[in-house]
Amino acid sequence: MDTESAPGTASLDALARAQAMSEAASLMGMVRHRDIEQARIDADPSPIKRLLERGMISLEIGQAMGLSEQQVNARLAMADRMIERAPGCWAA
């Protein structure tokens, strides 16, 4: 059976697109939150406080999104690579 004409595949395609859009939106939100927090932290004159607070960014994101710190760091690293190497793709 051809998957293009299989019953119900259009709704599955729509669900897959919605899921991808949701994942992209959450990743963009994570990057935006990290960048805002880093800018705020970098304005602090205390180097020790900056170091400690930078380490908390991934924990805050993880807590808000139900992810581990390592999952957050991996996703942010992937986003950073995409922003750097494929900015047009990121913008899309």
PDB file of N, CA and C in Angstrom:
ATOM      1  N   MET A   1       0.841  -1.184   0.000  1.00  0.00           N
ATOM      2  CA  MET A   1       0.000   0.000   0.000  1.00  0.00           C
ATOM      3  C   MET A   1       0.883   1.243   0.000  1.00  0.00           C
ATOM      4  N   ASP A   2       0.609   2.141  -0.856  1.00  0.00           N
ATOM      5  CA  ASP A   2       1.340   3.395  -0.960  1.00  0.00           C
ATOM      6  C   ASP A   2       1.024   4.265   0.258  1.00  0.00           C
ATOM      7  N   THR A   3       2.084   4.773   0.938  1.00  0.00           N
ATOM      8  CA  THR A   3       1.866   5.581   2.147  1.00  0.00           C
ATOM      9  C   THR A   3       1.216   6.920   1.827  1.00  0.00           C
ATOM     10  N   GLU A   4       1.376   7.407   0.606  1.00  0.00           N
ATOM     11  CA  GLU A   4       0.751   8.669   0.225  1.00  0.00           C
ATOM     12  C   GLU A   4      -0.769   8.559   0.225  1.00  0.00           C
ATOM     13  N   SER A   5      -1.295   7.354  -0.103  1.00  0.00           N
ATOM     14  CA  SER A   5      -2.745   7.200  -0.190  1.00  0.00           C
ATOM     15  C   SER A   5      -3.318   6.427   0.992  1.00  0.00           C
ATOM     16  N   ALA A   6      -2.464   6.044   1.948  1.00  0.00           N
ATOM     17  CA  ALA A   6      -2.949   5.276   3.090  1.00  0.00           C
ATOM     18  C   ALA A   6      -3.889   6.138   3.926  1.00  0.00           C
ATOM     19  N   PRO A   7      -4.992   5.550   4.379  1.00  0.00           N
ATOM     20  CA  PRO A   7      -5.937   6.321   5.193  1.00  0.00           C
ATOM     21  C   PRO A   7      -5.279   6.791   6.498  1.00  0.00           C
ATOM     22  N   GLY A   8      -5.528   8.021   6.854  1.00  0.00           N
ATOM     23  CA  GLY A   8      -5.047   8.539   8.128  1.00  0.00           C
ATOM     24  C   GLY A   8      -3.641   9.105   8.115  1.00  0.00           C
ATOM     25  N   THR A   9      -2.908   8.955   7.028  1.00  0.00           N
ATOM     26  CA  THR A   9      -1.530   9.454   7.038  1.00  0.00           C
ATOM     27  C   THR A   9      -1.479  10.971   7.016  1.00  0.00           C
ATOM     28  N   ALA A  10      -2.463  11.618   6.447  1.00  0.00           N
ATOM     29  CA  ALA A  10      -2.464  13.087   6.433  1.00  0.00           C
ATOM     30  C   ALA A  10      -2.517  13.626   7.851  1.00  0.00           C
ATOM     31  N   SER A  11      -3.326  13.013   8.688  1.00  0.00           N
ATOM     32  CA  SER A  11      -3.398  13.485  10.078  1.00  0.00           C
ATOM     33  C   SER A  11      -2.100  13.177  10.817  1.00  0.00           C
ATOM     34  N   LEU A  12      -1.452  12.063  10.488  1.00  0.00           N
ATOM     35  CA  LEU A  12      -0.166  11.738  11.108  1.00  0.00           C
ATOM     36  C   LEU A  12       0.910  12.719  10.656  1.00  0.00           C
ATOM     37  N   ASP A  13       0.881  13.079   9.377  1.00  0.00           N
ATOM     38  CA  ASP A  13       1.817  14.085   8.872  1.00  0.00           C
ATOM     39  C   ASP A  13       1.627  15.412   9.601  1.00  0.00           C
ATOM     40  N   ALA A  14       0.390  15.789   9.795  1.00  0.00           N
ATOM     41  CA  ALA A  14       0.089  17.040  10.495  1.00  0.00           C
ATOM     42  C   ALA A  14       0.577  16.985  11.938  1.00  0.00           C
ATOM     43  N   LEU A  15       0.403  15.842  12.578  1.00  0.00           N
ATOM     44  CA  LEU A  15       0.894  15.682  13.952  1.00  0.00           C
ATOM     45  C   LEU A  15       2.416  15.767  14.012  1.00  0.00           C
ATOM     46  N   ALA A  16       3.089  15.147  13.048  1.00  0.00           N
ATOM     47  CA  ALA A  16       4.554  15.192  13.010  1.00  0.00           C
ATOM     48  C   ALA A  16       5.043  16.622  12.808  1.00  0.00           C
ATOM     49  N   ARG A  17       4.372  17.370  11.923  1.00  0.00           N
ATOM     50  CA  ARG A  17       4.740  18.772  11.706  1.00  0.00           C
ATOM     51  C   ARG A  17       4.512  19.590  12.970  1.00  0.00           C
ATOM     52  N   ALA A  18       3.395  19.365  13.638  1.00  0.00           N
ATOM     53  CA  ALA A  18       3.094  20.098  14.871  1.00  0.00           C
ATOM     54  C   ALA A  18       4.126  19.793  15.946  1.00  0.00           C
ATOM     55  N   GLN A  19       4.525  18.525  16.037  1.00  0.00           N
ATOM     56  CA  GLN A  19       5.533  18.138  17.021  1.00  0.00           C
ATOM     57  C   GLN A  19       6.874  18.808  16.710  1.00  0.00           C
ATOM     58  N   ALA A  20       7.272  18.829  15.444  1.00  0.00           N
ATOM     59  CA  ALA A  20       8.532  19.462  15.050  1.00  0.00           C
ATOM     60  C   ALA A  20       8.497  20.957  15.336  1.00  0.00           C
ATOM     61  N   MET A  21       7.351  21.589  15.064  1.00  0.00           N
ATOM     62  CA  MET A  21       7.226  23.021  15.337  1.00  0.00           C
ATOM     63  C   MET A  21       7.300  23.301  16.832  1.00  0.00           C
ATOM     64  N   SER A  22       6.702  22.431  17.624  1.00  0.00           N
ATOM     65  CA  SER A  22       6.747  22.591  19.077  1.00  0.00           C
ATOM     66  C   SER A  22       8.166  22.418  19.604  1.00  0.00           C
ATOM     67  N   GLU A  23       8.875  21.428  19.087  1.00  0.00           N
ATOM     68  CA  GLU A  23      10.262  21.206  19.513  1.00  0.00           C
ATOM     69  C   GLU A  23      11.145  22.386  19.124  1.00  0.00           C
ATOM     70  N   ALA A  24      10.937  22.922  17.930  1.00  0.00           N
ATOM     71  CA  ALA A  24      11.705  24.086  17.494  1.00  0.00           C
ATOM     72  C   ALA A  24      11.409  25.290  18.389  1.00  0.00           C
ATOM     73  N   ALA A  25      10.146  25.490  18.717  1.00  0.00           N
ATOM     74  CA  ALA A  25       9.769  26.613  19.576  1.00  0.00           C
ATOM     75  C   ALA A  25      10.378  26.472  20.968  1.00  0.00           C
ATOM     76  N   SER A  26      10.387  25.254  21.510  1.00  0.00           N
ATOM     77  CA  SER A  26      10.969  25.074  22.848  1.00  0.00           C
ATOM     78  C   SER A  26      12.476  25.284  22.800  1.00  0.00           C
ATOM     79  N   LEU A  27      13.134  24.841  21.731  1.00  0.00           N
ATOM     80  CA  LEU A  27      14.573  25.047  21.602  1.00  0.00           C
ATOM     81  C   LEU A  27      14.895  26.532  21.464  1.00  0.00           C
ATOM     82  N   MET A  28      14.100  27.247  20.678  1.00  0.00           N
ATOM     83  CA  MET A  28      14.304  28.689  20.544  1.00  0.00           C
ATOM     84  C   MET A  28      14.090  29.401  21.883  1.00  0.00           C
ATOM     85  N   GLY A  29      13.096  28.948  22.640  1.00  0.00           N
ATOM     86  CA  GLY A  29      12.859  29.526  23.957  1.00  0.00           C
ATOM     87  C   GLY A  29      14.008  29.269  24.912  1.00  0.00           C
ATOM     88  N   MET A  30      14.581  28.073  24.837  1.00  0.00           N
ATOM     89  CA  MET A  30      15.731  27.745  25.687  1.00  0.00           C
ATOM     90  C   MET A  30      16.916  28.647  25.359  1.00  0.00           C
ATOM     91  N   VAL A  31      17.195  28.824  24.076  1.00  0.00           N
ATOM     92  CA  VAL A  31      18.315  29.671  23.653  1.00  0.00           C
ATOM     93  C   VAL A  31      18.062  31.118  24.075  1.00  0.00           C
ATOM     94  N   ARG A  32      16.849  31.586  23.859  1.00  0.00           N
ATOM     95  CA  ARG A  32      16.508  32.965  24.234  1.00  0.00           C
ATOM     96  C   ARG A  32      16.667  33.185  25.739  1.00  0.00           C
ATOM     97  N   HIS A  33      16.166  32.238  26.540  1.00  0.00           N
ATOM     98  CA  HIS A  33      16.289  32.361  27.995  1.00  0.00           C
ATOM     99  C   HIS A  33      17.760  32.376  28.405  1.00  0.00           C
ATOM    100  N   ARG A  34      18.552  31.451  27.830  1.00  0.00           N
ATOM    101  CA  ARG A  34      19.975  31.401  28.162  1.00  0.00           C
ATOM    102  C   ARG A  34      20.668  32.705  27.819  1.00  0.00           C
ATOM    103  N   ASP A  35      20.391  33.254  26.635  1.00  0.00           N
ATOM    104  CA  ASP A  35      21.054  34.485  26.215  1.00  0.00           C
ATOM    105  C   ASP A  35      20.677  35.668  27.092  1.00  0.00           C
ATOM    106  N   ILE A  36      19.400  35.757  27.465  1.00  0.00           N
ATOM    107  CA  ILE A  36      18.954  36.843  28.345  1.00  0.00           C
ATOM    108  C   ILE A  36      19.612  36.723  29.715  1.00  0.00           C
ATOM    109  N   GLU A  37      19.628  35.516  30.244  1.00  0.00           N
ATOM    110  CA  GLU A  37      20.238  35.301  31.558  1.00  0.00           C
ATOM    111  C   GLU A  37      21.742  35.561  31.526  1.00  0.00           C
ATOM    112  N   GLN A  38      22.415  35.148  30.465  1.00  0.00           N
ATOM    113  CA  GLN A  38      23.854  35.397  30.368  1.00  0.00           C
ATOM    114  C   GLN A  38      24.151  36.885  30.316  1.00  0.00           C
ATOM    115  N   ALA A  39      23.353  37.631  29.587  1.00  0.00           N
ATOM    116  CA  ALA A  39      23.549  39.083  29.519  1.00  0.00           C
ATOM    117  C   ALA A  39      23.343  39.716  30.898  1.00  0.00           C
ATOM    118  N   ARG A  40      22.319  39.252  31.606  1.00  0.00           N
ATOM    119  CA  ARG A  40      22.065  39.783  32.951  1.00  0.00           C
ATOM    120  C   ARG A  40      23.215  39.444  33.890  1.00  0.00           C
ATOM    121  N   ILE A  41      23.677  38.215  33.832  1.00  0.00           N
ATOM    122  CA  ILE A  41      24.756  37.747  34.710  1.00  0.00           C
ATOM    123  C   ILE A  41      26.064  38.463  34.396  1.00  0.00           C
ATOM    124  N   ASP A  42      26.344  38.666  33.116  1.00  0.00           N
ATOM    125  CA  ASP A  42      27.601  39.317  32.718  1.00  0.00           C
ATOM    126  C   ASP A  42      27.691  40.757  33.193  1.00  0.00           C
ATOM    127  N   ALA A  43      26.555  41.367  33.523  1.00  0.00           N
ATOM    128  CA  ALA A  43      26.555  42.742  34.027  1.00  0.00           C
ATOM    129  C   ALA A  43      26.963  42.821  35.496  1.00  0.00           C
ATOM    130  N   ASP A  44      26.990  41.686  36.179  1.00  0.00           N
ATOM    131  CA  ASP A  44      27.360  41.664  37.606  1.00  0.00           C
ATOM    132  C   ASP A  44      28.873  41.820  37.740  1.00  0.00           C
ATOM    133  N   PRO A  45      29.334  42.680  38.654  1.00  0.00           N
ATOM    134  CA  PRO A  45      30.784  42.893  38.791  1.00  0.00           C
ATOM    135  C   PRO A  45      31.527  41.742  39.495  1.00  0.00           C
ATOM    136  N   SER A  46      30.829  40.878  40.184  1.00  0.00           N
ATOM    137  CA  SER A  46      31.481  39.813  40.940  1.00  0.00           C
ATOM    138  C   SER A  46      31.752  38.589  40.056  1.00  0.00           C
ATOM    139  N   PRO A  47      33.047  38.246  39.840  1.00  0.00           N
ATOM    140  CA  PRO A  47      33.353  37.095  38.991  1.00  0.00           C
ATOM    141  C   PRO A  47      32.870  35.765  39.574  1.00  0.00           C
ATOM    142  N   ILE A  48      32.892  35.632  40.875  1.00  0.00           N
ATOM    143  CA  ILE A  48      32.439  34.380  41.495  1.00  0.00           C
ATOM    144  C   ILE A  48      30.929  34.232  41.338  1.00  0.00           C
ATOM    145  N   LYS A  49      30.217  35.317  41.551  1.00  0.00           N
ATOM    146  CA  LYS A  49      28.765  35.281  41.390  1.00  0.00           C
ATOM    147  C   LYS A  49      28.397  34.974  39.943  1.00  0.00           C
ATOM    148  N   ARG A  50      29.136  35.561  38.987  1.00  0.00           N
ATOM    149  CA  ARG A  50      28.876  35.284  37.562  1.00  0.00           C
ATOM    150  C   ARG A  50      29.086  33.807  37.267  1.00  0.00           C
ATOM    151  N   LEU A  51      30.156  33.236  37.772  1.00  0.00           N
ATOM    152  CA  LEU A  51      30.459  31.822  37.542  1.00  0.00           C
ATOM    153  C   LEU A  51      29.356  30.927  38.093  1.00  0.00           C
ATOM    154  N   LEU A  52      28.937  31.189  39.324  1.00  0.00           N
ATOM    155  CA  LEU A  52      27.894  30.376  39.945  1.00  0.00           C
ATOM    156  C   LEU A  52      26.560  30.508  39.227  1.00  0.00           C
ATOM    157  N   GLU A  53      26.201  31.725  38.881  1.00  0.00           N
ATOM    158  CA  GLU A  53      24.905  31.936  38.235  1.00  0.00           C
ATOM    159  C   GLU A  53      24.867  31.384  36.817  1.00  0.00           C
ATOM    160  N   ARG A  54      25.999  31.424  36.101  1.00  0.00           N
ATOM    161  CA  ARG A  54      26.024  30.827  34.757  1.00  0.00           C
ATOM    162  C   ARG A  54      25.740  29.336  34.832  1.00  0.00           C
ATOM    163  N   GLY A  55      26.264  28.688  35.868  1.00  0.00           N
ATOM    164  CA  GLY A  55      26.029  27.256  36.036  1.00  0.00           C
ATOM    165  C   GLY A  55      24.588  26.917  36.347  1.00  0.00           C
ATOM    166  N   MET A  56      23.840  27.882  36.827  1.00  0.00           N
ATOM    167  CA  MET A  56      22.444  27.652  37.183  1.00  0.00           C
ATOM    168  C   MET A  56      21.490  27.752  35.988  1.00  0.00           C
ATOM    169  N   ILE A  57      21.941  28.331  34.895  1.00  0.00           N
ATOM    170  CA  ILE A  57      21.049  28.541  33.746  1.00  0.00           C
ATOM    171  C   ILE A  57      20.494  27.210  33.240  1.00  0.00           C
ATOM    172  N   SER A  58      21.361  26.223  33.024  1.00  0.00           N
ATOM    173  CA  SER A  58      20.895  24.918  32.524  1.00  0.00           C
ATOM    174  C   SER A  58      19.974  24.236  33.522  1.00  0.00           C
ATOM    175  N   LEU A  59      20.265  24.411  34.797  1.00  0.00           N
ATOM    176  CA  LEU A  59      19.403  23.815  35.823  1.00  0.00           C
ATOM    177  C   LEU A  59      18.017  24.448  35.805  1.00  0.00           C
ATOM    178  N   GLU A  60      17.958  25.776  35.657  1.00  0.00           N
ATOM    179  CA  GLU A  60      16.663  26.469  35.595  1.00  0.00           C
ATOM    180  C   GLU A  60      15.847  26.010  34.395  1.00  0.00           C
ATOM    181  N   ILE A  61      16.501  25.943  33.247  1.00  0.00           N
ATOM    182  CA  ILE A  61      15.809  25.515  32.033  1.00  0.00           C
ATOM    183  C   ILE A  61      15.314  24.082  32.193  1.00  0.00           C
ATOM    184  N   GLY A  62      16.183  23.225  32.710  1.00  0.00           N
ATOM    185  CA  GLY A  62      15.815  21.825  32.899  1.00  0.00           C
ATOM    186  C   GLY A  62      14.636  21.662  33.835  1.00  0.00           C
ATOM    187  N   GLN A  63      14.646  22.407  34.907  1.00  0.00           N
ATOM    188  CA  GLN A  63      13.543  22.321  35.862  1.00  0.00           C
ATOM    189  C   GLN A  63      12.235  22.776  35.212  1.00  0.00           C
ATOM    190  N   ALA A  64      12.294  23.843  34.450  1.00  0.00           N
ATOM    191  CA  ALA A  64      11.087  24.359  33.811  1.00  0.00           C
ATOM    192  C   ALA A  64      10.548  23.422  32.727  1.00  0.00           C
ATOM    193  N   MET A  65      11.457  22.680  32.077  1.00  0.00           N
ATOM    194  CA  MET A  65      11.041  21.857  30.932  1.00  0.00           C
ATOM    195  C   MET A  65      11.033  20.360  31.220  1.00  0.00           C
ATOM    196  N   GLY A  66      11.374  19.980  32.438  1.00  0.00           N
ATOM    197  CA  GLY A  66      11.379  18.562  32.778  1.00  0.00           C
ATOM    198  C   GLY A  66      12.528  17.796  32.133  1.00  0.00           C
ATOM    199  N   LEU A  67      13.676  18.467  31.986  1.00  0.00           N
ATOM    200  CA  LEU A  67      14.851  17.862  31.375  1.00  0.00           C
ATOM    201  C   LEU A  67      16.005  17.863  32.360  1.00  0.00           C
ATOM    202  N   SER A  68      16.944  16.957  32.157  1.00  0.00           N
ATOM    203  CA  SER A  68      18.142  16.961  32.989  1.00  0.00           C
ATOM    204  C   SER A  68      19.083  18.073  32.514  1.00  0.00           C
ATOM    205  N   GLU A  69      20.025  18.408  33.349  1.00  0.00           N
ATOM    206  CA  GLU A  69      21.007  19.431  32.990  1.00  0.00           C
ATOM    207  C   GLU A  69      21.779  19.010  31.730  1.00  0.00           C
ATOM    208  N   GLN A  70      22.125  17.726  31.644  1.00  0.00           N
ATOM    209  CA  GLN A  70      22.848  17.234  30.474  1.00  0.00           C
ATOM    210  C   GLN A  70      22.003  17.314  29.202  1.00  0.00           C
ATOM    211  N   GLN A  71      20.717  17.023  29.305  1.00  0.00           N
ATOM    212  CA  GLN A  71      19.837  17.143  28.138  1.00  0.00           C
ATOM    213  C   GLN A  71      19.767  18.591  27.672  1.00  0.00           C
ATOM    214  N   VAL A  72      19.661  19.507  28.617  1.00  0.00           N
ATOM    215  CA  VAL A  72      19.610  20.929  28.284  1.00  0.00           C
ATOM    216  C   VAL A  72      20.911  21.343  27.605  1.00  0.00           C
ATOM    217  N   ASN A  73      22.046  20.961  28.198  1.00  0.00           N
ATOM    218  CA  ASN A  73      23.337  21.338  27.626  1.00  0.00           C
ATOM    219  C   ASN A  73      23.513  20.770  26.218  1.00  0.00           C
ATOM    220  N   ALA A  74      23.078  19.534  26.004  1.00  0.00           N
ATOM    221  CA  ALA A  74      23.194  18.922  24.677  1.00  0.00           C
ATOM    222  C   ALA A  74      22.332  19.667  23.661  1.00  0.00           C
ATOM    223  N   ARG A  75      21.124  20.019  24.047  1.00  0.00           N
ATOM    224  CA  ARG A  75      20.223  20.729  23.126  1.00  0.00           C
ATOM    225  C   ARG A  75      20.729  22.135  22.826  1.00  0.00           C
ATOM    226  N   LEU A  76      21.242  22.805  23.848  1.00  0.00           N
ATOM    227  CA  LEU A  76      21.789  24.140  23.618  1.00  0.00           C
ATOM    228  C   LEU A  76      23.031  24.076  22.735  1.00  0.00           C
ATOM    229  N   ALA A  77      23.867  23.068  22.920  1.00  0.00           N
ATOM    230  CA  ALA A  77      25.058  22.910  22.081  1.00  0.00           C
ATOM    231  C   ALA A  77      24.661  22.657  20.631  1.00  0.00           C
ATOM    232  N   MET A  78      23.642  21.821  20.422  1.00  0.00           N
ATOM    233  CA  MET A  78      23.151  21.560  19.074  1.00  0.00           C
ATOM    234  C   MET A  78      22.614  22.850  18.445  1.00  0.00           C
ATOM    235  N   ALA A  79      21.863  23.621  19.222  1.00  0.00           N
ATOM    236  CA  ALA A  79      21.314  24.881  18.719  1.00  0.00           C
ATOM    237  C   ALA A  79      22.441  25.851  18.375  1.00  0.00           C
ATOM    238  N   ASP A  80      23.457  25.926  19.214  1.00  0.00           N
ATOM    239  CA  ASP A  80      24.586  26.815  18.947  1.00  0.00           C
ATOM    240  C   ASP A  80      25.305  26.432  17.651  1.00  0.00           C
ATOM    241  N   ARG A  81      25.477  25.117  17.431  1.00  0.00           N
ATOM    242  CA  ARG A  81      26.108  24.668  16.182  1.00  0.00           C
ATOM    243  C   ARG A  81      25.258  25.054  14.982  1.00  0.00           C
ATOM    244  N   MET A  82      23.957  24.903  15.102  1.00  0.00           N
ATOM    245  CA  MET A  82      23.071  25.242  13.997  1.00  0.00           C
ATOM    246  C   MET A  82      23.090  26.745  13.737  1.00  0.00           C
ATOM    247  N   ILE A  83      23.051  27.544  14.787  1.00  0.00           N
ATOM    248  CA  ILE A  83      23.082  28.998  14.640  1.00  0.00           C
ATOM    249  C   ILE A  83      24.380  29.418  13.959  1.00  0.00           C
ATOM    250  N   GLU A  84      25.476  28.790  14.327  1.00  0.00           N
ATOM    251  CA  GLU A  84      26.790  29.143  13.784  1.00  0.00           C
ATOM    252  C   GLU A  84      26.978  28.632  12.350  1.00  0.00           C
ATOM    253  N   ARG A  85      26.599  27.382  12.115  1.00  0.00           N
ATOM    254  CA  ARG A  85      26.906  26.754  10.817  1.00  0.00           C
ATOM    255  C   ARG A  85      25.782  26.830   9.796  1.00  0.00           C
ATOM    256  N   ALA A  86      24.557  26.998  10.252  1.00  0.00           N
ATOM    257  CA  ALA A  86      23.413  27.041   9.323  1.00  0.00           C
ATOM    258  C   ALA A  86      22.400  28.075   9.795  1.00  0.00           C
ATOM    259  N   PRO A  87      22.804  29.347   9.808  1.00  0.00           N
ATOM    260  CA  PRO A  87      21.903  30.374  10.327  1.00  0.00           C
ATOM    261  C   PRO A  87      20.600  30.497   9.545  1.00  0.00           C
ATOM    262  N   GLY A  88      20.625  30.220   8.262  1.00  0.00           N
ATOM    263  CA  GLY A  88      19.397  30.272   7.463  1.00  0.00           C
ATOM    264  C   GLY A  88      18.416  29.189   7.886  1.00  0.00           C
ATOM    265  N   CYS A  89      18.945  28.022   8.183  1.00  0.00           N
ATOM    266  CA  CYS A  89      18.116  26.912   8.646  1.00  0.00           C
ATOM    267  C   CYS A  89      17.529  27.245  10.021  1.00  0.00           C
ATOM    268  N   TRP A  90      18.334  27.823  10.883  1.00  0.00           N
ATOM    269  CA  TRP A  90      17.863  28.212  12.208  1.00  0.00           C
ATOM    270  C   TRP A  90      16.752  29.254  12.095  1.00  0.00           C
ATOM    271  N   ALA A  91      16.926  30.209  11.215  1.00  0.00           N
ATOM    272  CA  ALA A  91      15.936  31.274  11.046  1.00  0.00           C
ATOM    273  C   ALA A  91      14.616  30.735  10.505  1.00  0.00           C
ATOM    274  N   ALA A  92      14.694  29.666   9.733  1.00  0.00           N
ATOM    275  CA  ALA A  92      13.479  29.094   9.157  1.00  0.00           C
ATOM    276  C   ALA A  92      12.663  28.454  10.249  1.00  0.00           C
TER     277      ALA A  92
END
